[in-house]
Every structure is written in C-alpha cells, then in structure tokens.
Amino acid sequence: MNAIGKALFGAAVLAMTAGSASAAVVCNDEGDCWRVRGRPTYGPGVHLRIYGDDYRLGERHRWREPGRGHGYYRNGAWIEIR
C-alpha cells in the first residue's frame, strides 16, 4: 500500500510540473518591460527583445503591467495587435 501511495504522489507531482505554461519577459527600446505567457511573436518593424521568464531588469528598465490582448508598449502607451 505504501508503494502505491508513493507512486500516485510522484505521478501527481509530475503531472503538475509537466503542464506548466511557459512565460517570457518582453522589453522595448524605451525601457518598458512586461511579462507575457508563452513565447510571443511580433512583426519585424516592432523593435522588442524577448527574454526568458527569469530575466532580471537592468537599471534603465521598468516593469509595466501588460495591456489588454496581444500587444506592446510604444511611447508609454499599449498598442494592441489584432
């Protein structure tokens, strides 16, 4: 019985970690950074850098709350991409 309980516990832990969503940090040239789910794609004319979720901000960067929908910050305003 003890071995079955350990096996079920291990399977539950594995299921919780395997389903984790990936995330990223996106920063623009103006120093605005925000978190996004997954690995977003932006057009070539939008100058953004995408980092891993563990990225630490530098001195010239500041955190912003992501706007509504898929988009990016430009001149302090959220630009939604449809």
PDB file of N, CA and C in Angstrom:
ATOM      1  N   MET A   1       0.821  -1.191   0.000  1.00  0.00           N
ATOM      2  CA  MET A   1       0.000   0.000   0.000  1.00  0.00           C
ATOM      3  C   MET A   1       0.866   1.257   0.000  1.00  0.00           C
ATOM      4  N   ASN A   2       1.937   1.232   0.751  1.00  0.00           N
ATOM      5  CA  ASN A   2       2.832   2.384   0.831  1.00  0.00           C
ATOM      6  C   ASN A   2       3.468   2.678  -0.525  1.00  0.00           C
ATOM      7  N   ALA A   3       3.857   1.657  -1.263  1.00  0.00           N
ATOM      8  CA  ALA A   3       4.472   1.846  -2.577  1.00  0.00           C
ATOM      9  C   ALA A   3       3.471   2.446  -3.561  1.00  0.00           C
ATOM     10  N   ILE A   4       2.220   2.043  -3.466  1.00  0.00           N
ATOM     11  CA  ILE A   4       1.189   2.591  -4.361  1.00  0.00           C
ATOM     12  C   ILE A   4       0.969   4.071  -4.064  1.00  0.00           C
ATOM     13  N   GLY A   5       0.935   4.427  -2.801  1.00  0.00           N
ATOM     14  CA  GLY A   5       0.763   5.829  -2.409  1.00  0.00           C
ATOM     15  C   GLY A   5       1.898   6.694  -2.915  1.00  0.00           C
ATOM     16  N   LYS A   6       3.133   6.211  -2.801  1.00  0.00           N
ATOM     17  CA  LYS A   6       4.286   6.960  -3.295  1.00  0.00           C
ATOM     18  C   LYS A   6       4.243   7.114  -4.812  1.00  0.00           C
ATOM     19  N   ALA A   7       3.827   6.062  -5.495  1.00  0.00           N
ATOM     20  CA  ALA A   7       3.733   6.113  -6.955  1.00  0.00           C
ATOM     21  C   ALA A   7       2.678   7.118  -7.393  1.00  0.00           C
ATOM     22  N   LEU A   8       1.541   7.143  -6.717  1.00  0.00           N
ATOM     23  CA  LEU A   8       0.489   8.109  -7.053  1.00  0.00           C
ATOM     24  C   LEU A   8       0.948   9.541  -6.772  1.00  0.00           C
ATOM     25  N   PHE A   9       1.625   9.725  -5.663  1.00  0.00           N
ATOM     26  CA  PHE A   9       2.143  11.054  -5.334  1.00  0.00           C
ATOM     27  C   PHE A   9       3.148  11.517  -6.386  1.00  0.00           C
ATOM     28  N   GLY A  10       4.042  10.662  -6.796  1.00  0.00           N
ATOM     29  CA  GLY A  10       5.023  11.002  -7.824  1.00  0.00           C
ATOM     30  C   GLY A  10       4.366  11.336  -9.152  1.00  0.00           C
ATOM     31  N   ALA A  11       3.340  10.577  -9.506  1.00  0.00           N
ATOM     32  CA  ALA A  11       2.623  10.840 -10.758  1.00  0.00           C
ATOM     33  C   ALA A  11       1.904  12.187 -10.696  1.00  0.00           C
ATOM     34  N   ALA A  12       1.347  12.536  -9.546  1.00  0.00           N
ATOM     35  CA  ALA A  12       0.655  13.822  -9.388  1.00  0.00           C
ATOM     36  C   ALA A  12       1.638  14.983  -9.507  1.00  0.00           C
ATOM     37  N   VAL A  13       2.798  14.864  -8.886  1.00  0.00           N
ATOM     38  CA  VAL A  13       3.815  15.919  -8.975  1.00  0.00           C
ATOM     39  C   VAL A  13       4.281  16.078 -10.416  1.00  0.00           C
ATOM     40  N   LEU A  14       4.514  14.981 -11.091  1.00  0.00           N
ATOM     41  CA  LEU A  14       4.944  15.029 -12.490  1.00  0.00           C
ATOM     42  C   LEU A  14       3.880  15.682 -13.363  1.00  0.00           C
ATOM     43  N   ALA A  15       2.626  15.372 -13.140  1.00  0.00           N
ATOM     44  CA  ALA A  15       1.532  15.955 -13.933  1.00  0.00           C
ATOM     45  C   ALA A  15       1.437  17.456 -13.712  1.00  0.00           C
ATOM     46  N   MET A  16       1.647  17.924 -12.490  1.00  0.00           N
ATOM     47  CA  MET A  16       1.570  19.357 -12.203  1.00  0.00           C
ATOM     48  C   MET A  16       2.717  20.116 -12.854  1.00  0.00           C
ATOM     49  N   THR A  17       3.907  19.566 -12.854  1.00  0.00           N
ATOM     50  CA  THR A  17       5.051  20.270 -13.426  1.00  0.00           C
ATOM     51  C   THR A  17       5.079  20.173 -14.933  1.00  0.00           C
ATOM     52  N   ALA A  18       4.567  19.107 -15.504  1.00  0.00           N
ATOM     53  CA  ALA A  18       4.581  18.942 -16.958  1.00  0.00           C
ATOM     54  C   ALA A  18       3.612  19.895 -17.631  1.00  0.00           C
ATOM     55  N   GLY A  19       2.559  20.304 -16.949  1.00  0.00           N
ATOM     56  CA  GLY A  19       1.563  21.182 -17.534  1.00  0.00           C
ATOM     57  C   GLY A  19       1.841  22.655 -17.336  1.00  0.00           C
ATOM     58  N   SER A  20       2.986  23.014 -16.795  1.00  0.00           N
ATOM     59  CA  SER A  20       3.294  24.409 -16.544  1.00  0.00           C
ATOM     60  C   SER A  20       3.391  25.185 -17.850  1.00  0.00           C
ATOM     61  N   ALA A  21       2.785  26.358 -17.860  1.00  0.00           N
ATOM     62  CA  ALA A  21       2.843  27.211 -19.049  1.00  0.00           C
ATOM     63  C   ALA A  21       4.166  27.961 -19.061  1.00  0.00           C
ATOM     64  N   SER A  22       4.717  28.136 -20.250  1.00  0.00           N
ATOM     65  CA  SER A  22       5.944  28.903 -20.349  1.00  0.00           C
ATOM     66  C   SER A  22       5.601  30.379 -20.350  1.00  0.00           C
ATOM     67  N   ALA A  23       6.565  31.194 -20.005  1.00  0.00           N
ATOM     68  CA  ALA A  23       6.375  32.636 -19.948  1.00  0.00           C
ATOM     69  C   ALA A  23       7.643  33.321 -20.432  1.00  0.00           C
ATOM     70  N   ALA A  24       7.522  34.606 -20.681  1.00  0.00           N
ATOM     71  CA  ALA A  24       8.665  35.379 -21.159  1.00  0.00           C
ATOM     72  C   ALA A  24       8.543  36.809 -20.649  1.00  0.00           C
ATOM     73  N   VAL A  25       9.637  37.535 -20.741  1.00  0.00           N
ATOM     74  CA  VAL A  25       9.674  38.962 -20.454  1.00  0.00           C
ATOM     75  C   VAL A  25       9.994  39.664 -21.763  1.00  0.00           C
ATOM     76  N   VAL A  26       9.206  40.667 -22.107  1.00  0.00           N
ATOM     77  CA  VAL A  26       9.407  41.431 -23.339  1.00  0.00           C
ATOM     78  C   VAL A  26       9.784  42.856 -22.949  1.00  0.00           C
ATOM     79  N   CYS A  27      10.814  43.411 -23.607  1.00  0.00           N
ATOM     80  CA  CYS A  27      11.251  44.781 -23.342  1.00  0.00           C
ATOM     81  C   CYS A  27      11.356  45.548 -24.655  1.00  0.00           C
ATOM     82  N   ASN A  28      10.985  46.826 -24.619  1.00  0.00           N
ATOM     83  CA  ASN A  28      11.149  47.665 -25.804  1.00  0.00           C
ATOM     84  C   ASN A  28      12.410  48.517 -25.657  1.00  0.00           C
ATOM     85  N   ASP A  29      12.729  49.296 -26.679  1.00  0.00           N
ATOM     86  CA  ASP A  29      13.937  50.126 -26.662  1.00  0.00           C
ATOM     87  C   ASP A  29      13.841  51.286 -25.676  1.00  0.00           C
ATOM     88  N   GLU A  30      12.631  51.604 -25.209  1.00  0.00           N
ATOM     89  CA  GLU A  30      12.422  52.712 -24.285  1.00  0.00           C
ATOM     90  C   GLU A  30      12.574  52.302 -22.823  1.00  0.00           C
ATOM     91  N   GLY A  31      12.787  50.991 -22.563  1.00  0.00           N
ATOM     92  CA  GLY A  31      12.993  50.517 -21.206  1.00  0.00           C
ATOM     93  C   GLY A  31      11.761  49.951 -20.531  1.00  0.00           C
ATOM     94  N   ASP A  32      10.636  49.874 -21.243  1.00  0.00           N
ATOM     95  CA  ASP A  32       9.429  49.271 -20.687  1.00  0.00           C
ATOM     96  C   ASP A  32       9.514  47.757 -20.835  1.00  0.00           C
ATOM     97  N   CYS A  33       9.205  47.018 -19.768  1.00  0.00           N
ATOM     98  CA  CYS A  33       9.221  45.558 -19.794  1.00  0.00           C
ATOM     99  C   CYS A  33       7.943  45.032 -19.167  1.00  0.00           C
ATOM    100  N   TRP A  34       7.447  43.906 -19.677  1.00  0.00           N
ATOM    101  CA  TRP A  34       6.239  43.286 -19.161  1.00  0.00           C
ATOM    102  C   TRP A  34       6.331  41.784 -19.374  1.00  0.00           C
ATOM    103  N   ARG A  35       5.557  41.056 -18.578  1.00  0.00           N
ATOM    104  CA  ARG A  35       5.536  39.598 -18.674  1.00  0.00           C
ATOM    105  C   ARG A  35       4.419  39.164 -19.608  1.00  0.00           C
ATOM    106  N   VAL A  36       4.690  38.092 -20.344  1.00  0.00           N
ATOM    107  CA  VAL A  36       3.695  37.512 -21.253  1.00  0.00           C
ATOM    108  C   VAL A  36       3.689  36.003 -21.066  1.00  0.00           C
ATOM    109  N   ARG A  37       2.613  35.379 -21.475  1.00  0.00           N
ATOM    110  CA  ARG A  37       2.530  33.914 -21.459  1.00  0.00           C
ATOM    111  C   ARG A  37       3.066  33.391 -22.773  1.00  0.00           C
ATOM    112  N   GLY A  38       3.770  32.292 -22.710  1.00  0.00           N
ATOM    113  CA  GLY A  38       4.307  31.666 -23.918  1.00  0.00           C
ATOM    114  C   GLY A  38       5.459  32.462 -24.499  1.00  0.00           C
ATOM    115  N   ARG A  39       5.749  32.220 -25.758  1.00  0.00           N
ATOM    116  CA  ARG A  39       6.794  32.940 -26.491  1.00  0.00           C
ATOM    117  C   ARG A  39       6.109  33.711 -27.615  1.00  0.00           C
ATOM    118  N   PRO A  40       5.766  34.972 -27.385  1.00  0.00           N
ATOM    119  CA  PRO A  40       5.013  35.722 -28.391  1.00  0.00           C
ATOM    120  C   PRO A  40       5.848  36.034 -29.627  1.00  0.00           C
ATOM    121  N   THR A  41       5.168  36.331 -30.706  1.00  0.00           N
ATOM    122  CA  THR A  41       5.840  36.770 -31.925  1.00  0.00           C
ATOM    123  C   THR A  41       5.334  38.159 -32.281  1.00  0.00           C
ATOM    124  N   TYR A  42       6.238  38.970 -32.776  1.00  0.00           N
ATOM    125  CA  TYR A  42       5.931  40.335 -33.181  1.00  0.00           C
ATOM    126  C   TYR A  42       6.487  40.541 -34.579  1.00  0.00           C
ATOM    127  N   GLY A  43       5.936  41.500 -35.304  1.00  0.00           N
ATOM    128  CA  GLY A  43       6.410  41.786 -36.650  1.00  0.00           C
ATOM    129  C   GLY A  43       7.821  42.340 -36.641  1.00  0.00           C
ATOM    130  N   PRO A  44       8.500  42.310 -37.800  1.00  0.00           N
ATOM    131  CA  PRO A  44       9.888  42.774 -37.870  1.00  0.00           C
ATOM    132  C   PRO A  44      10.049  44.270 -37.613  1.00  0.00           C
ATOM    133  N   GLY A  45       8.999  45.062 -37.802  1.00  0.00           N
ATOM    134  CA  GLY A  45       9.103  46.505 -37.588  1.00  0.00           C
ATOM    135  C   GLY A  45       8.987  46.920 -36.134  1.00  0.00           C
ATOM    136  N   VAL A  46       8.624  45.986 -35.269  1.00  0.00           N
ATOM    137  CA  VAL A  46       8.482  46.271 -33.841  1.00  0.00           C
ATOM    138  C   VAL A  46       9.782  45.861 -33.170  1.00  0.00           C
ATOM    139  N   HIS A  47      10.476  46.813 -32.595  1.00  0.00           N
ATOM    140  CA  HIS A  47      11.795  46.546 -32.010  1.00  0.00           C
ATOM    141  C   HIS A  47      11.654  46.153 -30.540  1.00  0.00           C
ATOM    142  N   LEU A  48      11.515  44.852 -30.300  1.00  0.00           N
ATOM    143  CA  LEU A  48      11.371  44.318 -28.954  1.00  0.00           C
ATOM    144  C   LEU A  48      12.385  43.211 -28.735  1.00  0.00           C
ATOM    145  N   ARG A  49      12.752  43.010 -27.474  1.00  0.00           N
ATOM    146  CA  ARG A  49      13.626  41.902 -27.105  1.00  0.00           C
ATOM    147  C   ARG A  49      12.822  40.973 -26.189  1.00  0.00           C
ATOM    148  N   ILE A  50      12.927  39.686 -26.454  1.00  0.00           N
ATOM    149  CA  ILE A  50      12.202  38.697 -25.667  1.00  0.00           C
ATOM    150  C   ILE A  50      13.213  37.884 -24.876  1.00  0.00           C
ATOM    151  N   TYR A  51      13.000  37.836 -23.557  1.00  0.00           N
ATOM    152  CA  TYR A  51      13.889  37.122 -22.644  1.00  0.00           C
ATOM    153  C   TYR A  51      13.129  35.999 -21.960  1.00  0.00           C
ATOM    154  N   GLY A  52      13.853  35.129 -21.306  1.00  0.00           N
ATOM    155  CA  GLY A  52      13.239  34.081 -20.505  1.00  0.00           C
ATOM    156  C   GLY A  52      12.552  34.668 -19.287  1.00  0.00           C
ATOM    157  N   ASP A  53      11.679  33.898 -18.675  1.00  0.00           N
ATOM    158  CA  ASP A  53      10.909  34.359 -17.522  1.00  0.00           C
ATOM    159  C   ASP A  53      11.792  34.733 -16.334  1.00  0.00           C
ATOM    160  N   ASP A  54      13.021  34.229 -16.290  1.00  0.00           N
ATOM    161  CA  ASP A  54      13.914  34.509 -15.166  1.00  0.00           C
ATOM    162  C   ASP A  54      14.755  35.770 -15.391  1.00  0.00           C
ATOM    163  N   TYR A  55      14.461  36.560 -16.432  1.00  0.00           N
ATOM    164  CA  TYR A  55      15.238  37.767 -16.745  1.00  0.00           C
ATOM    165  C   TYR A  55      15.134  38.785 -15.611  1.00  0.00           C
ATOM    166  N   ARG A  56      16.258  39.373 -15.251  1.00  0.00           N
ATOM    167  CA  ARG A  56      16.313  40.424 -14.226  1.00  0.00           C
ATOM    168  C   ARG A  56      16.483  41.766 -14.924  1.00  0.00           C
ATOM    169  N   LEU A  57      15.683  42.739 -14.528  1.00  0.00           N
ATOM    170  CA  LEU A  57      15.731  44.052 -15.162  1.00  0.00           C
ATOM    171  C   LEU A  57      17.029  44.786 -14.852  1.00  0.00           C
ATOM    172  N   GLY A  58      17.520  45.518 -15.843  1.00  0.00           N
ATOM    173  CA  GLY A  58      18.682  46.375 -15.642  1.00  0.00           C
ATOM    174  C   GLY A  58      18.239  47.726 -15.093  1.00  0.00           C
ATOM    175  N   GLU A  59      19.180  48.613 -14.887  1.00  0.00           N
ATOM    176  CA  GLU A  59      18.884  49.924 -14.299  1.00  0.00           C
ATOM    177  C   GLU A  59      17.941  50.766 -15.161  1.00  0.00           C
ATOM    178  N   ARG A  60      18.068  50.674 -16.462  1.00  0.00           N
ATOM    179  CA  ARG A  60      17.260  51.543 -17.322  1.00  0.00           C
ATOM    180  C   ARG A  60      15.890  50.951 -17.668  1.00  0.00           C
ATOM    181  N   HIS A  61      15.562  49.814 -17.094  1.00  0.00           N
ATOM    182  CA  HIS A  61      14.274  49.166 -17.370  1.00  0.00           C
ATOM    183  C   HIS A  61      13.294  49.394 -16.231  1.00  0.00           C
ATOM    184  N   ARG A  62      11.996  49.336 -16.563  1.00  0.00           N
ATOM    185  CA  ARG A  62      10.936  49.441 -15.564  1.00  0.00           C
ATOM    186  C   ARG A  62       9.814  48.464 -15.922  1.00  0.00           C
ATOM    187  N   TRP A  63       9.203  47.895 -14.888  1.00  0.00           N
ATOM    188  CA  TRP A  63       8.104  46.953 -15.107  1.00  0.00           C
ATOM    189  C   TRP A  63       6.839  47.692 -15.467  1.00  0.00           C
ATOM    190  N   ARG A  64       6.089  47.149 -16.399  1.00  0.00           N
ATOM    191  CA  ARG A  64       4.762  47.636 -16.780  1.00  0.00           C
ATOM    192  C   ARG A  64       3.795  46.470 -16.695  1.00  0.00           C
ATOM    193  N   GLU A  65       2.545  46.761 -16.425  1.00  0.00           N
ATOM    194  CA  GLU A  65       1.519  45.732 -16.486  1.00  0.00           C
ATOM    195  C   GLU A  65       1.183  45.508 -17.958  1.00  0.00           C
ATOM    196  N   PRO A  66       1.067  44.261 -18.388  1.00  0.00           N
ATOM    197  CA  PRO A  66       0.705  44.043 -19.793  1.00  0.00           C
ATOM    198  C   PRO A  66      -0.686  44.593 -20.064  1.00  0.00           C
ATOM    199  N   GLY A  67      -0.861  45.165 -21.230  1.00  0.00           N
ATOM    200  CA  GLY A  67      -2.161  45.692 -21.616  1.00  0.00           C
ATOM    201  C   GLY A  67      -3.110  44.575 -22.018  1.00  0.00           C
ATOM    202  N   ARG A  68      -4.227  44.982 -22.517  1.00  0.00           N
ATOM    203  CA  ARG A  68      -5.253  44.012 -22.910  1.00  0.00           C
ATOM    204  C   ARG A  68      -4.898  43.397 -24.259  1.00  0.00           C
ATOM    205  N   GLY A  69      -4.963  42.093 -24.329  1.00  0.00           N
ATOM    206  CA  GLY A  69      -4.696  41.391 -25.576  1.00  0.00           C
ATOM    207  C   GLY A  69      -3.207  41.325 -25.897  1.00  0.00           C
ATOM    208  N   HIS A  70      -2.920  40.858 -27.106  1.00  0.00           N
ATOM    209  CA  HIS A  70      -1.536  40.733 -27.583  1.00  0.00           C
ATOM    210  C   HIS A  70      -1.084  42.105 -28.078  1.00  0.00           C
ATOM    211  N   GLY A  71       0.039  42.579 -27.568  1.00  0.00           N
ATOM    212  CA  GLY A  71       0.498  43.899 -27.981  1.00  0.00           C
ATOM    213  C   GLY A  71       1.851  44.241 -27.389  1.00  0.00           C
ATOM    214  N   TYR A  72       2.147  45.540 -27.354  1.00  0.00           N
ATOM    215  CA  TYR A  72       3.429  46.026 -26.870  1.00  0.00           C
ATOM    216  C   TYR A  72       3.305  47.498 -26.484  1.00  0.00           C
ATOM    217  N   TYR A  73       4.289  47.994 -25.733  1.00  0.00           N
ATOM    218  CA  TYR A  73       4.330  49.403 -25.354  1.00  0.00           C
ATOM    219  C   TYR A  73       5.147  50.198 -26.362  1.00  0.00           C
ATOM    220  N   ARG A  74       4.651  51.401 -26.695  1.00  0.00           N
ATOM    221  CA  ARG A  74       5.403  52.347 -27.513  1.00  0.00           C
ATOM    222  C   ARG A  74       5.060  53.747 -26.998  1.00  0.00           C
ATOM    223  N   ASN A  75       6.088  54.514 -26.662  1.00  0.00           N
ATOM    224  CA  ASN A  75       5.904  55.861 -26.116  1.00  0.00           C
ATOM    225  C   ASN A  75       4.988  55.861 -24.893  1.00  0.00           C
ATOM    226  N   GLY A  76       5.096  54.835 -24.063  1.00  0.00           N
ATOM    227  CA  GLY A  76       4.320  54.744 -22.834  1.00  0.00           C
ATOM    228  C   GLY A  76       2.882  54.293 -22.991  1.00  0.00           C
ATOM    229  N   ALA A  77       2.451  53.988 -24.215  1.00  0.00           N
ATOM    230  CA  ALA A  77       1.076  53.549 -24.460  1.00  0.00           C
ATOM    231  C   ALA A  77       1.074  52.118 -24.980  1.00  0.00           C
ATOM    232  N   TRP A  78       0.053  51.368 -24.593  1.00  0.00           N
ATOM    233  CA  TRP A  78      -0.100  49.985 -25.035  1.00  0.00           C
ATOM    234  C   TRP A  78      -0.694  49.975 -26.446  1.00  0.00           C
ATOM    235  N   ILE A  79      -0.044  49.309 -27.354  1.00  0.00           N
ATOM    236  CA  ILE A  79      -0.510  49.165 -28.738  1.00  0.00           C
ATOM    237  C   ILE A  79      -0.968  47.715 -28.896  1.00  0.00           C
ATOM    238  N   GLU A  80      -2.255  47.531 -29.110  1.00  0.00           N
ATOM    239  CA  GLU A  80      -2.786  46.170 -29.268  1.00  0.00           C
ATOM    240  C   GLU A  80      -2.622  45.708 -30.704  1.00  0.00           C
ATOM    241  N   ILE A  81      -2.139  44.485 -30.874  1.00  0.00           N
ATOM    242  CA  ILE A  81      -2.007  43.860 -32.181  1.00  0.00           C
ATOM    243  C   ILE A  81      -3.205  42.963 -32.386  1.00  0.00           C
ATOM    244  N   ARG A  82      -3.940  43.189 -33.425  1.00  0.00           N
ATOM    245  CA  ARG A  82      -5.132  42.361 -33.700  1.00  0.00           C
ATOM    246  C   ARG A  82      -4.852  41.370 -34.764  1.00  0.00           C
TER     247      ARG A  82
END
